[in-house]
Amino acid sequence: QVRLVESGGGLVQAGGSLRLSCAASGSPFSINTMGWYRQAPGKQRELVTSITSGAMPNYADSVKGRFTISRDNAKNTVYLQMNSLKPEDTAVYYCHAYTTSGRNYWGQGTQVTVSS
């Protein structure tokens, strides 16, 4: 079992920055890939970015050059630095973990609101 706890969401003006954190507990040693998804009202959940245990990142085209994912394996924590935020980035952001046994785990979600 893996438990994911997110923090760092909030309200920011367009062009501003936020940093999200996601701490894993339980059996974090079983985690292979961690990442962030988001879901805006009326839309499907979409992948924002992910990072493997070997620190290989992957980004959605919509956030490339603005968002940066990083991972601290010693702290079992993944971070999402979001710069140059746009109103269309407004969504609930979910931390995700994929384990070596093929299981998926999700955090409770944190709201990010970008005002224009």
PDB file of N, CA and C in Angstrom:
ATOM      1  N   GLN A   1       0.835  -1.202   0.000  1.00  0.00           N
ATOM      2  CA  GLN A   1       0.000   0.000   0.000  1.00  0.00           C
ATOM      3  C   GLN A   1       0.865   1.245   0.000  1.00  0.00           C
ATOM      4  N   VAL A   2       0.438   2.230  -0.740  1.00  0.00           N
ATOM      5  CA  VAL A   2       1.132   3.517  -0.821  1.00  0.00           C
ATOM      6  C   VAL A   2       0.118   4.614  -0.531  1.00  0.00           C
ATOM      7  N   ARG A   3       0.494   5.538   0.318  1.00  0.00           N
ATOM      8  CA  ARG A   3      -0.354   6.694   0.604  1.00  0.00           C
ATOM      9  C   ARG A   3       0.346   7.934   0.087  1.00  0.00           C
ATOM     10  N   LEU A   4      -0.418   8.760  -0.629  1.00  0.00           N
ATOM     11  CA  LEU A   4       0.124   9.974  -1.216  1.00  0.00           C
ATOM     12  C   LEU A   4      -0.595  11.183  -0.623  1.00  0.00           C
ATOM     13  N   VAL A   5       0.166  12.146  -0.155  1.00  0.00           N
ATOM     14  CA  VAL A   5      -0.412  13.356   0.427  1.00  0.00           C
ATOM     15  C   VAL A   5       0.152  14.564  -0.290  1.00  0.00           C
ATOM     16  N   GLU A   6      -0.739  15.329  -0.910  1.00  0.00           N
ATOM     17  CA  GLU A   6      -0.317  16.515  -1.659  1.00  0.00           C
ATOM     18  C   GLU A   6      -0.449  17.762  -0.804  1.00  0.00           C
ATOM     19  N   SER A   7       0.327  18.770  -1.180  1.00  0.00           N
ATOM     20  CA  SER A   7       0.217  20.077  -0.550  1.00  0.00           C
ATOM     21  C   SER A   7       0.705  21.123  -1.540  1.00  0.00           C
ATOM     22  N   GLY A   8       0.338  22.378  -1.281  1.00  0.00           N
ATOM     23  CA  GLY A   8       0.883  23.479  -2.066  1.00  0.00           C
ATOM     24  C   GLY A   8      -0.051  24.139  -3.049  1.00  0.00           C
ATOM     25  N   GLY A   9      -1.277  23.663  -3.169  1.00  0.00           N
ATOM     26  CA  GLY A   9      -2.198  24.315  -4.084  1.00  0.00           C
ATOM     27  C   GLY A   9      -2.630  25.667  -3.552  1.00  0.00           C
ATOM     28  N   GLY A  10      -3.405  26.387  -4.378  1.00  0.00           N
ATOM     29  CA  GLY A  10      -3.909  27.674  -3.940  1.00  0.00           C
ATOM     30  C   GLY A  10      -4.351  28.535  -5.086  1.00  0.00           C
ATOM     31  N   LEU A  11      -4.513  29.820  -4.787  1.00  0.00           N
ATOM     32  CA  LEU A  11      -4.959  30.804  -5.768  1.00  0.00           C
ATOM     33  C   LEU A  11      -3.786  31.704  -6.128  1.00  0.00           C
ATOM     34  N   VAL A  12      -3.592  31.904  -7.427  1.00  0.00           N
ATOM     35  CA  VAL A  12      -2.491  32.737  -7.888  1.00  0.00           C
ATOM     36  C   VAL A  12      -2.942  33.496  -9.129  1.00  0.00           C
ATOM     37  N   GLN A  13      -2.357  34.651  -9.353  1.00  0.00           N
ATOM     38  CA  GLN A  13      -2.676  35.415 -10.554  1.00  0.00           C
ATOM     39  C   GLN A  13      -1.927  34.844 -11.755  1.00  0.00           C
ATOM     40  N   ALA A  14      -2.478  35.081 -12.918  1.00  0.00           N
ATOM     41  CA  ALA A  14      -1.821  34.641 -14.148  1.00  0.00           C
ATOM     42  C   ALA A  14      -0.398  35.199 -14.199  1.00  0.00           C
ATOM     43  N   GLY A  15       0.521  34.327 -14.600  1.00  0.00           N
ATOM     44  CA  GLY A  15       1.927  34.694 -14.635  1.00  0.00           C
ATOM     45  C   GLY A  15       2.680  34.343 -13.371  1.00  0.00           C
ATOM     46  N   GLY A  16       1.944  33.969 -12.342  1.00  0.00           N
ATOM     47  CA  GLY A  16       2.563  33.627 -11.080  1.00  0.00           C
ATOM     48  C   GLY A  16       3.056  32.196 -11.024  1.00  0.00           C
ATOM     49  N   SER A  17       3.511  31.808  -9.835  1.00  0.00           N
ATOM     50  CA  SER A  17       4.099  30.485  -9.639  1.00  0.00           C
ATOM     51  C   SER A  17       3.508  29.802  -8.412  1.00  0.00           C
ATOM     52  N   LEU A  18       3.495  28.492  -8.462  1.00  0.00           N
ATOM     53  CA  LEU A  18       3.129  27.661  -7.322  1.00  0.00           C
ATOM     54  C   LEU A  18       4.015  26.431  -7.329  1.00  0.00           C
ATOM     55  N   ARG A  19       4.202  25.859  -6.161  1.00  0.00           N
ATOM     56  CA  ARG A  19       4.958  24.617  -6.039  1.00  0.00           C
ATOM     57  C   ARG A  19       4.124  23.598  -5.292  1.00  0.00           C
ATOM     58  N   LEU A  20       3.883  22.488  -5.934  1.00  0.00           N
ATOM     59  CA  LEU A  20       3.155  21.391  -5.309  1.00  0.00           C
ATOM     60  C   LEU A  20       4.134  20.341  -4.798  1.00  0.00           C
ATOM     61  N   SER A  21       3.757  19.711  -3.696  1.00  0.00           N
ATOM     62  CA  SER A  21       4.547  18.618  -3.150  1.00  0.00           C
ATOM     63  C   SER A  21       3.659  17.402  -2.959  1.00  0.00           C
ATOM     64  N   CYS A  22       4.249  16.237  -3.073  1.00  0.00           N
ATOM     65  CA  CYS A  22       3.520  14.996  -2.846  1.00  0.00           C
ATOM     66  C   CYS A  22       4.444  14.043  -2.102  1.00  0.00           C
ATOM     67  N   ALA A  23       4.062  13.719  -0.877  1.00  0.00           N
ATOM     68  CA  ALA A  23       4.861  12.818  -0.049  1.00  0.00           C
ATOM     69  C   ALA A  23       4.233  11.431  -0.049  1.00  0.00           C
ATOM     70  N   ALA A  24       5.063  10.439  -0.290  1.00  0.00           N
ATOM     71  CA  ALA A  24       4.594   9.054  -0.307  1.00  0.00           C
ATOM     72  C   ALA A  24       4.986   8.351   0.978  1.00  0.00           C
ATOM     73  N   SER A  25       4.078   7.538   1.477  1.00  0.00           N
ATOM     74  CA  SER A  25       4.363   6.732   2.669  1.00  0.00           C
ATOM     75  C   SER A  25       3.761   5.345   2.474  1.00  0.00           C
ATOM     76  N   GLY A  26       4.056   4.466   3.402  1.00  0.00           N
ATOM     77  CA  GLY A  26       3.545   3.099   3.290  1.00  0.00           C
ATOM     78  C   GLY A  26       4.629   2.205   2.748  1.00  0.00           C
ATOM     79  N   SER A  27       4.603   2.010   1.438  1.00  0.00           N
ATOM     80  CA  SER A  27       5.623   1.200   0.774  1.00  0.00           C
ATOM     81  C   SER A  27       6.228   1.986  -0.384  1.00  0.00           C
ATOM     82  N   PRO A  28       6.847   3.121  -0.081  1.00  0.00           N
ATOM     83  CA  PRO A  28       7.359   3.966  -1.166  1.00  0.00           C
ATOM     84  C   PRO A  28       8.475   3.328  -1.967  1.00  0.00           C
ATOM     85  N   PHE A  29       9.136   2.306  -1.391  1.00  0.00           N
ATOM     86  CA  PHE A  29      10.226   1.657  -2.106  1.00  0.00           C
ATOM     87  C   PHE A  29       9.723   0.895  -3.317  1.00  0.00           C
ATOM     88  N   SER A  30       8.405   0.636  -3.363  1.00  0.00           N
ATOM     89  CA  SER A  30       7.819  -0.095  -4.483  1.00  0.00           C
ATOM     90  C   SER A  30       7.426   0.812  -5.642  1.00  0.00           C
ATOM     91  N   ILE A  31       7.599   2.124  -5.467  1.00  0.00           N
ATOM     92  CA  ILE A  31       7.174   3.068  -6.494  1.00  0.00           C
ATOM     93  C   ILE A  31       8.189   3.132  -7.612  1.00  0.00           C
ATOM     94  N   ASN A  32       7.685   3.053  -8.825  1.00  0.00           N
ATOM     95  CA  ASN A  32       8.537   3.224  -9.992  1.00  0.00           C
ATOM     96  C   ASN A  32       8.379   4.657 -10.502  1.00  0.00           C
ATOM     97  N   THR A  33       7.227   4.952 -11.052  1.00  0.00           N
ATOM     98  CA  THR A  33       6.977   6.276 -11.623  1.00  0.00           C
ATOM     99  C   THR A  33       6.040   7.083 -10.730  1.00  0.00           C
ATOM    100  N   MET A  34       6.341   8.357 -10.589  1.00  0.00           N
ATOM    101  CA  MET A  34       5.435   9.283  -9.911  1.00  0.00           C
ATOM    102  C   MET A  34       5.112  10.412 -10.866  1.00  0.00           C
ATOM    103  N   GLY A  35       3.972  11.018 -10.652  1.00  0.00           N
ATOM    104  CA  GLY A  35       3.597  12.090 -11.555  1.00  0.00           C
ATOM    105  C   GLY A  35       2.426  12.895 -11.051  1.00  0.00           C
ATOM    106  N   TRP A  36       2.013  13.822 -11.891  1.00  0.00           N
ATOM    107  CA  TRP A  36       0.895  14.697 -11.592  1.00  0.00           C
ATOM    108  C   TRP A  36      -0.110  14.667 -12.737  1.00  0.00           C
ATOM    109  N   TYR A  37      -1.365  14.513 -12.374  1.00  0.00           N
ATOM    110  CA  TYR A  37      -2.473  14.642 -13.297  1.00  0.00           C
ATOM    111  C   TYR A  37      -3.299  15.838 -12.856  1.00  0.00           C
ATOM    112  N   ARG A  38      -4.146  16.318 -13.746  1.00  0.00           N
ATOM    113  CA  ARG A  38      -5.069  17.387 -13.362  1.00  0.00           C
ATOM    114  C   ARG A  38      -6.422  17.164 -14.018  1.00  0.00           C
ATOM    115  N   GLN A  39      -7.434  17.692 -13.354  1.00  0.00           N
ATOM    116  CA  GLN A  39      -8.780  17.584 -13.888  1.00  0.00           C
ATOM    117  C   GLN A  39      -9.496  18.910 -13.685  1.00  0.00           C
ATOM    118  N   ALA A  40      -9.847  19.522 -14.791  1.00  0.00           N
ATOM    119  CA  ALA A  40     -10.601  20.770 -14.770  1.00  0.00           C
ATOM    120  C   ALA A  40     -12.093  20.446 -14.808  1.00  0.00           C
ATOM    121  N   PRO A  41     -12.937  21.356 -14.363  1.00  0.00           N
ATOM    122  CA  PRO A  41     -14.387  21.106 -14.362  1.00  0.00           C
ATOM    123  C   PRO A  41     -14.892  20.745 -15.756  1.00  0.00           C
ATOM    124  N   GLY A  42     -15.613  19.658 -15.839  1.00  0.00           N
ATOM    125  CA  GLY A  42     -16.200  19.236 -17.100  1.00  0.00           C
ATOM    126  C   GLY A  42     -15.234  18.564 -18.052  1.00  0.00           C
ATOM    127  N   LYS A  43     -14.008  18.343 -17.604  1.00  0.00           N
ATOM    128  CA  LYS A  43     -13.007  17.729 -18.475  1.00  0.00           C
ATOM    129  C   LYS A  43     -12.482  16.445 -17.859  1.00  0.00           C
ATOM    130  N   GLN A  44     -11.853  15.631 -18.715  1.00  0.00           N
ATOM    131  CA  GLN A  44     -11.260  14.391 -18.233  1.00  0.00           C
ATOM    132  C   GLN A  44      -9.937  14.669 -17.534  1.00  0.00           C
ATOM    133  N   ARG A  45      -9.592  13.759 -16.647  1.00  0.00           N
ATOM    134  CA  ARG A  45      -8.289  13.860 -15.988  1.00  0.00           C
ATOM    135  C   ARG A  45      -7.204  13.644 -17.037  1.00  0.00           C
ATOM    136  N   GLU A  46      -6.171  14.479 -16.986  1.00  0.00           N
ATOM    137  CA  GLU A  46      -5.096  14.389 -17.960  1.00  0.00           C
ATOM    138  C   GLU A  46      -3.737  14.379 -17.276  1.00  0.00           C
ATOM    139  N   LEU A  47      -2.793  13.712 -17.927  1.00  0.00           N
ATOM    140  CA  LEU A  47      -1.432  13.670 -17.416  1.00  0.00           C
ATOM    141  C   LEU A  47      -0.762  15.019 -17.646  1.00  0.00           C
ATOM    142  N   VAL A  48      -0.162  15.540 -16.601  1.00  0.00           N
ATOM    143  CA  VAL A  48       0.607  16.784 -16.697  1.00  0.00           C
ATOM    144  C   VAL A  48       2.088  16.467 -16.872  1.00  0.00           C
ATOM    145  N   THR A  49       2.594  15.629 -15.986  1.00  0.00           N
ATOM    146  CA  THR A  49       4.005  15.286 -16.022  1.00  0.00           C
ATOM    147  C   THR A  49       4.243  14.048 -15.178  1.00  0.00           C
ATOM    148  N   SER A  50       5.304  13.331 -15.490  1.00  0.00           N
ATOM    149  CA  SER A  50       5.684  12.172 -14.694  1.00  0.00           C
ATOM    150  C   SER A  50       7.203  12.064 -14.673  1.00  0.00           C
ATOM    151  N   ILE A  51       7.690  11.284 -13.711  1.00  0.00           N
ATOM    152  CA  ILE A  51       9.131  11.099 -13.590  1.00  0.00           C
ATOM    153  C   ILE A  51       9.388   9.685 -13.089  1.00  0.00           C
ATOM    154  N   THR A  52      10.340   9.021 -13.699  1.00  0.00           N
ATOM    155  CA  THR A  52      10.666   7.657 -13.305  1.00  0.00           C
ATOM    156  C   THR A  52      11.605   7.653 -12.106  1.00  0.00           C
ATOM    157  N   SER A  53      11.851   6.474 -11.573  1.00  0.00           N
ATOM    158  CA  SER A  53      12.778   6.367 -10.452  1.00  0.00           C
ATOM    159  C   SER A  53      14.189   6.768 -10.867  1.00  0.00           C
ATOM    160  N   GLY A  54      14.445   6.687 -12.160  1.00  0.00           N
ATOM    161  CA  GLY A  54      15.737   7.126 -12.674  1.00  0.00           C
ATOM    162  C   GLY A  54      15.763   8.585 -13.070  1.00  0.00           C
ATOM    163  N   ALA A  55      14.708   9.333 -12.655  1.00  0.00           N
ATOM    164  CA  ALA A  55      14.622  10.783 -12.855  1.00  0.00           C
ATOM    165  C   ALA A  55      14.480  11.200 -14.311  1.00  0.00           C
ATOM    166  N   MET A  56      13.828  10.389 -15.105  1.00  0.00           N
ATOM    167  CA  MET A  56      13.522  10.756 -16.483  1.00  0.00           C
ATOM    168  C   MET A  56      12.136  11.401 -16.520  1.00  0.00           C
ATOM    169  N   PRO A  57      12.053  12.708 -16.827  1.00  0.00           N
ATOM    170  CA  PRO A  57      10.751  13.381 -16.823  1.00  0.00           C
ATOM    171  C   PRO A  57      10.029  13.303 -18.160  1.00  0.00           C
ATOM    172  N   ASN A  58       8.744  13.469 -18.077  1.00  0.00           N
ATOM    173  CA  ASN A  58       7.893  13.506 -19.263  1.00  0.00           C
ATOM    174  C   ASN A  58       6.862  14.603 -19.016  1.00  0.00           C
ATOM    175  N   TYR A  59       6.602  15.451 -20.032  1.00  0.00           N
ATOM    176  CA  TYR A  59       5.694  16.573 -19.856  1.00  0.00           C
ATOM    177  C   TYR A  59       4.631  16.613 -20.946  1.00  0.00           C
ATOM    178  N   ALA A  60       3.453  17.048 -20.575  1.00  0.00           N
ATOM    179  CA  ALA A  60       2.435  17.357 -21.578  1.00  0.00           C
ATOM    180  C   ALA A  60       2.890  18.588 -22.346  1.00  0.00           C
ATOM    181  N   ASP A  61       2.538  18.652 -23.622  1.00  0.00           N
ATOM    182  CA  ASP A  61       2.954  19.791 -24.444  1.00  0.00           C
ATOM    183  C   ASP A  61       2.482  21.119 -23.859  1.00  0.00           C
ATOM    184  N   SER A  62       1.342  21.106 -23.228  1.00  0.00           N
ATOM    185  CA  SER A  62       0.753  22.350 -22.721  1.00  0.00           C
ATOM    186  C   SER A  62       1.538  22.969 -21.567  1.00  0.00           C
ATOM    187  N   VAL A  63       2.416  22.186 -20.942  1.00  0.00           N
ATOM    188  CA  VAL A  63       3.161  22.706 -19.788  1.00  0.00           C
ATOM    189  C   VAL A  63       4.664  22.732 -19.999  1.00  0.00           C
ATOM    190  N   LYS A  64       5.122  22.242 -21.136  1.00  0.00           N
ATOM    191  CA  LYS A  64       6.564  22.221 -21.393  1.00  0.00           C
ATOM    192  C   LYS A  64       7.131  23.630 -21.350  1.00  0.00           C
ATOM    193  N   GLY A  65       8.255  23.760 -20.667  1.00  0.00           N
ATOM    194  CA  GLY A  65       8.903  25.061 -20.536  1.00  0.00           C
ATOM    195  C   GLY A  65       8.374  25.896 -19.390  1.00  0.00           C
ATOM    196  N   ARG A  66       7.261  25.467 -18.787  1.00  0.00           N
ATOM    197  CA  ARG A  66       6.693  26.231 -17.668  1.00  0.00           C
ATOM    198  C   ARG A  66       6.690  25.425 -16.370  1.00  0.00           C
ATOM    199  N   PHE A  67       6.483  24.144 -16.467  1.00  0.00           N
ATOM    200  CA  PHE A  67       6.424  23.276 -15.289  1.00  0.00           C
ATOM    201  C   PHE A  67       7.676  22.421 -15.213  1.00  0.00           C
ATOM    202  N   THR A  68       8.110  22.137 -13.993  1.00  0.00           N
ATOM    203  CA  THR A  68       9.256  21.263 -13.777  1.00  0.00           C
ATOM    204  C   THR A  68       8.930  20.272 -12.670  1.00  0.00           C
ATOM    205  N   ILE A  69       9.107  19.004 -12.966  1.00  0.00           N
ATOM    206  CA  ILE A  69       8.920  17.969 -11.953  1.00  0.00           C
ATOM    207  C   ILE A  69      10.280  17.539 -11.435  1.00  0.00           C
ATOM    208  N   SER A  70      10.334  17.272 -10.145  1.00  0.00           N
ATOM    209  CA  SER A  70      11.559  16.769  -9.548  1.00  0.00           C
ATOM    210  C   SER A  70      11.187  15.752  -8.470  1.00  0.00           C
ATOM    211  N   ARG A  71      12.170  14.955  -8.119  1.00  0.00           N
ATOM    212  CA  ARG A  71      11.888  13.852  -7.201  1.00  0.00           C
ATOM    213  C   ARG A  71      13.039  13.705  -6.222  1.00  0.00           C
ATOM    214  N   ASP A  72      12.718  13.606  -4.950  1.00  0.00           N
ATOM    215  CA  ASP A  72      13.690  13.369  -3.902  1.00  0.00           C
ATOM    216  C   ASP A  72      13.424  11.967  -3.363  1.00  0.00           C
ATOM    217  N   ASN A  73      14.175  11.003  -3.828  1.00  0.00           N
ATOM    218  CA  ASN A  73      13.944   9.614  -3.432  1.00  0.00           C
ATOM    219  C   ASN A  73      14.214   9.384  -1.946  1.00  0.00           C
ATOM    220  N   ALA A  74      15.138  10.155  -1.374  1.00  0.00           N
ATOM    221  CA  ALA A  74      15.447   9.998   0.044  1.00  0.00           C
ATOM    222  C   ALA A  74      14.254  10.406   0.915  1.00  0.00           C
ATOM    223  N   LYS A  75      13.472  11.382   0.427  1.00  0.00           N
ATOM    224  CA  LYS A  75      12.307  11.862   1.167  1.00  0.00           C
ATOM    225  C   LYS A  75      11.007  11.274   0.635  1.00  0.00           C
ATOM    226  N   ASN A  76      11.110  10.432  -0.401  1.00  0.00           N
ATOM    227  CA  ASN A  76       9.904   9.845  -1.024  1.00  0.00           C
ATOM    228  C   ASN A  76       8.910  10.922  -1.405  1.00  0.00           C
ATOM    229  N   THR A  77       9.428  11.985  -1.986  1.00  0.00           N
ATOM    230  CA  THR A  77       8.603  13.149  -2.312  1.00  0.00           C
ATOM    231  C   THR A  77       8.857  13.577  -3.752  1.00  0.00           C
ATOM    232  N   VAL A  78       7.783  13.976  -4.407  1.00  0.00           N
ATOM    233  CA  VAL A  78       7.882  14.525  -5.742  1.00  0.00           C
ATOM    234  C   VAL A  78       7.325  15.947  -5.708  1.00  0.00           C
ATOM    235  N   TYR A  79       7.944  16.817  -6.483  1.00  0.00           N
ATOM    236  CA  TYR A  79       7.575  18.217  -6.501  1.00  0.00           C
ATOM    237  C   TYR A  79       7.153  18.628  -7.908  1.00  0.00           C
ATOM    238  N   LEU A  80       6.286  19.620  -7.967  1.00  0.00           N
ATOM    239  CA  LEU A  80       5.918  20.202  -9.248  1.00  0.00           C
ATOM    240  C   LEU A  80       6.026  21.713  -9.122  1.00  0.00           C
ATOM    241  N   GLN A  81       7.036  22.265  -9.771  1.00  0.00           N
ATOM    242  CA  GLN A  81       7.209  23.717  -9.816  1.00  0.00           C
ATOM    243  C   GLN A  81       6.474  24.233 -11.041  1.00  0.00           C
ATOM    244  N   MET A  82       5.510  25.105 -10.811  1.00  0.00           N
ATOM    245  CA  MET A  82       4.680  25.630 -11.894  1.00  0.00           C
ATOM    246  C   MET A  82       4.922  27.130 -12.023  1.00  0.00           C
ATOM    247  N   ASN A  83       5.479  27.520 -13.146  1.00  0.00           N
ATOM    248  CA  ASN A  83       5.762  28.929 -13.422  1.00  0.00           C
ATOM    249  C   ASN A  83       4.909  29.413 -14.587  1.00  0.00           C
ATOM    250  N   SER A  84       4.824  30.718 -14.719  1.00  0.00           N
ATOM    251  CA  SER A  84       4.061  31.327 -15.822  1.00  0.00           C
ATOM    252  C   SER A  84       2.667  30.715 -15.934  1.00  0.00           C
ATOM    253  N   LEU A  85       2.000  30.634 -14.810  1.00  0.00           N
ATOM    254  CA  LEU A  85       0.698  29.984 -14.779  1.00  0.00           C
ATOM    255  C   LEU A  85      -0.328  30.743 -15.587  1.00  0.00           C
ATOM    256  N   LYS A  86      -1.228  29.983 -16.205  1.00  0.00           N
ATOM    257  CA  LYS A  86      -2.286  30.537 -17.033  1.00  0.00           C
ATOM    258  C   LYS A  86      -3.644  30.135 -16.454  1.00  0.00           C
ATOM    259  N   PRO A  87      -4.678  30.893 -16.766  1.00  0.00           N
ATOM    260  CA  PRO A  87      -6.019  30.512 -16.276  1.00  0.00           C
ATOM    261  C   PRO A  87      -6.415  29.090 -16.680  1.00  0.00           C
ATOM    262  N   GLU A  88      -5.951  28.645 -17.830  1.00  0.00           N
ATOM    263  CA  GLU A  88      -6.293  27.293 -18.275  1.00  0.00           C
ATOM    264  C   GLU A  88      -5.567  26.203 -17.482  1.00  0.00           C
ATOM    265  N   ASP A  89      -4.653  26.590 -16.614  1.00  0.00           N
ATOM    266  CA  ASP A  89      -4.022  25.615 -15.718  1.00  0.00           C
ATOM    267  C   ASP A  89      -4.892  25.334 -14.494  1.00  0.00           C
ATOM    268  N   THR A  90      -5.960  26.084 -14.351  1.00  0.00           N
ATOM    269  CA  THR A  90      -6.857  25.877 -13.215  1.00  0.00           C
ATOM    270  C   THR A  90      -7.462  24.480 -13.244  1.00  0.00           C
ATOM    271  N   ALA A  91      -7.285  23.757 -12.147  1.00  0.00           N
ATOM    272  CA  ALA A  91      -7.766  22.375 -12.064  1.00  0.00           C
ATOM    273  C   ALA A  91      -7.459  21.828 -10.677  1.00  0.00           C
ATOM    274  N   VAL A  92      -7.980  20.656 -10.411  1.00  0.00           N
ATOM    275  CA  VAL A  92      -7.547  19.888  -9.251  1.00  0.00           C
ATOM    276  C   VAL A  92      -6.369  19.036  -9.708  1.00  0.00           C
ATOM    277  N   TYR A  93      -5.281  19.142  -8.998  1.00  0.00           N
ATOM    278  CA  TYR A  93      -4.070  18.408  -9.353  1.00  0.00           C
ATOM    279  C   TYR A  93      -3.930  17.204  -8.430  1.00  0.00           C
ATOM    280  N   TYR A  94      -3.711  16.050  -9.054  1.00  0.00           N
ATOM    281  CA  TYR A  94      -3.616  14.785  -8.326  1.00  0.00           C
ATOM    282  C   TYR A  94      -2.222  14.195  -8.475  1.00  0.00           C
ATOM    283  N   CYS A  95      -1.675  13.800  -7.372  1.00  0.00           N
ATOM    284  CA  CYS A  95      -0.417  13.056  -7.394  1.00  0.00           C
ATOM    285  C   CYS A  95      -0.712  11.595  -7.726  1.00  0.00           C
ATOM    286  N   HIS A  96       0.156  10.992  -8.495  1.00  0.00           N
ATOM    287  CA  HIS A  96      -0.027   9.601  -8.912  1.00  0.00           C
ATOM    288  C   HIS A  96       1.267   8.824  -8.732  1.00  0.00           C
ATOM    289  N   ALA A  97       1.130   7.581  -8.332  1.00  0.00           N
ATOM    290  CA  ALA A  97       2.284   6.694  -8.218  1.00  0.00           C
ATOM    291  C   ALA A  97       1.965   5.358  -8.876  1.00  0.00           C
ATOM    292  N   TYR A  98       2.953   4.843  -9.583  1.00  0.00           N
ATOM    293  CA  TYR A  98       2.823   3.539 -10.240  1.00  0.00           C
ATOM    294  C   TYR A  98       3.919   2.642  -9.684  1.00  0.00           C
ATOM    295  N   THR A  99       3.516   1.494  -9.157  1.00  0.00           N
ATOM    296  CA  THR A  99       4.489   0.665  -8.469  1.00  0.00           C
ATOM    297  C   THR A  99       5.075  -0.409  -9.375  1.00  0.00           C
ATOM    298  N   THR A 100       6.093  -1.049  -8.872  1.00  0.00           N
ATOM    299  CA  THR A 100       6.757  -2.119  -9.621  1.00  0.00           C
ATOM    300  C   THR A 100       5.850  -3.331  -9.795  1.00  0.00           C
ATOM    301  N   SER A 101       4.804  -3.417  -8.969  1.00  0.00           N
ATOM    302  CA  SER A 101       3.854  -4.529  -9.089  1.00  0.00           C
ATOM    303  C   SER A 101       2.681  -4.186  -9.997  1.00  0.00           C
ATOM    304  N   GLY A 102       2.719  -2.986 -10.594  1.00  0.00           N
ATOM    305  CA  GLY A 102       1.679  -2.613 -11.535  1.00  0.00           C
ATOM    306  C   GLY A 102       0.451  -1.956 -10.936  1.00  0.00           C
ATOM    307  N   ARG A 103       0.558  -1.481  -9.707  1.00  0.00           N
ATOM    308  CA  ARG A 103      -0.585  -0.837  -9.061  1.00  0.00           C
ATOM    309  C   ARG A 103      -0.503   0.680  -9.212  1.00  0.00           C
ATOM    310  N   ASN A 104      -1.669   1.290  -9.255  1.00  0.00           N
ATOM    311  CA  ASN A 104      -1.769   2.736  -9.319  1.00  0.00           C
ATOM    312  C   ASN A 104      -2.328   3.299  -8.012  1.00  0.00           C
ATOM    313  N   TYR A 105      -1.740   4.367  -7.547  1.00  0.00           N
ATOM    314  CA  TYR A 105      -2.214   5.037  -6.340  1.00  0.00           C
ATOM    315  C   TYR A 105      -2.395   6.520  -6.633  1.00  0.00           C
ATOM    316  N   TRP A 106      -3.377   7.115  -5.933  1.00  0.00           N
ATOM    317  CA  TRP A 106      -3.699   8.522  -6.149  1.00  0.00           C
ATOM    318  C   TRP A 106      -3.763   9.277  -4.833  1.00  0.00           C
ATOM    319  N   GLY A 107      -3.360  10.538  -4.894  1.00  0.00           N
ATOM    320  CA  GLY A 107      -3.555  11.413  -3.766  1.00  0.00           C
ATOM    321  C   GLY A 107      -4.976  11.950  -3.759  1.00  0.00           C
ATOM    322  N   GLN A 108      -5.283  12.755  -2.767  1.00  0.00           N
ATOM    323  CA  GLN A 108      -6.633  13.269  -2.602  1.00  0.00           C
ATOM    324  C   GLN A 108      -6.912  14.472  -3.504  1.00  0.00           C
ATOM    325  N   GLY A 109      -5.888  15.043  -4.059  1.00  0.00           N
ATOM    326  CA  GLY A 109      -6.052  16.195  -4.947  1.00  0.00           C
ATOM    327  C   GLY A 109      -5.875  17.518  -4.229  1.00  0.00           C
ATOM    328  N   THR A 110      -5.344  18.485  -4.955  1.00  0.00           N
ATOM    329  CA  THR A 110      -5.182  19.830  -4.423  1.00  0.00           C
ATOM    330  C   THR A 110      -5.609  20.832  -5.502  1.00  0.00           C
ATOM    331  N   GLN A 111      -6.375  21.813  -5.099  1.00  0.00           N
ATOM    332  CA  GLN A 111      -6.928  22.780  -6.050  1.00  0.00           C
ATOM    333  C   GLN A 111      -5.897  23.842  -6.405  1.00  0.00           C
ATOM    334  N   VAL A 112      -5.765  24.080  -7.702  1.00  0.00           N
ATOM    335  CA  VAL A 112      -4.951  25.176  -8.219  1.00  0.00           C
ATOM    336  C   VAL A 112      -5.879  26.080  -9.024  1.00  0.00           C
ATOM    337  N   THR A 113      -5.944  27.331  -8.638  1.00  0.00           N
ATOM    338  CA  THR A 113      -6.789  28.297  -9.335  1.00  0.00           C
ATOM    339  C   THR A 113      -5.939  29.468  -9.790  1.00  0.00           C
ATOM    340  N   VAL A 114      -5.997  29.748 -11.093  1.00  0.00           N
ATOM    341  CA  VAL A 114      -5.224  30.840 -11.678  1.00  0.00           C
ATOM    342  C   VAL A 114      -6.206  31.888 -12.178  1.00  0.00           C
ATOM    343  N   SER A 115      -6.130  33.070 -11.604  1.00  0.00           N
ATOM    344  CA  SER A 115      -7.036  34.148 -11.988  1.00  0.00           C
ATOM    345  C   SER A 115      -6.420  34.988 -13.102  1.00  0.00           C
ATOM    346  N   SER A 116      -7.281  35.501 -13.950  1.00  0.00           N
ATOM    347  CA  SER A 116      -6.791  36.306 -15.086  1.00  0.00           C
ATOM    348  C   SER A 116      -6.716  37.778 -14.731  1.00  0.00           C
TER     349      SER A 116
END
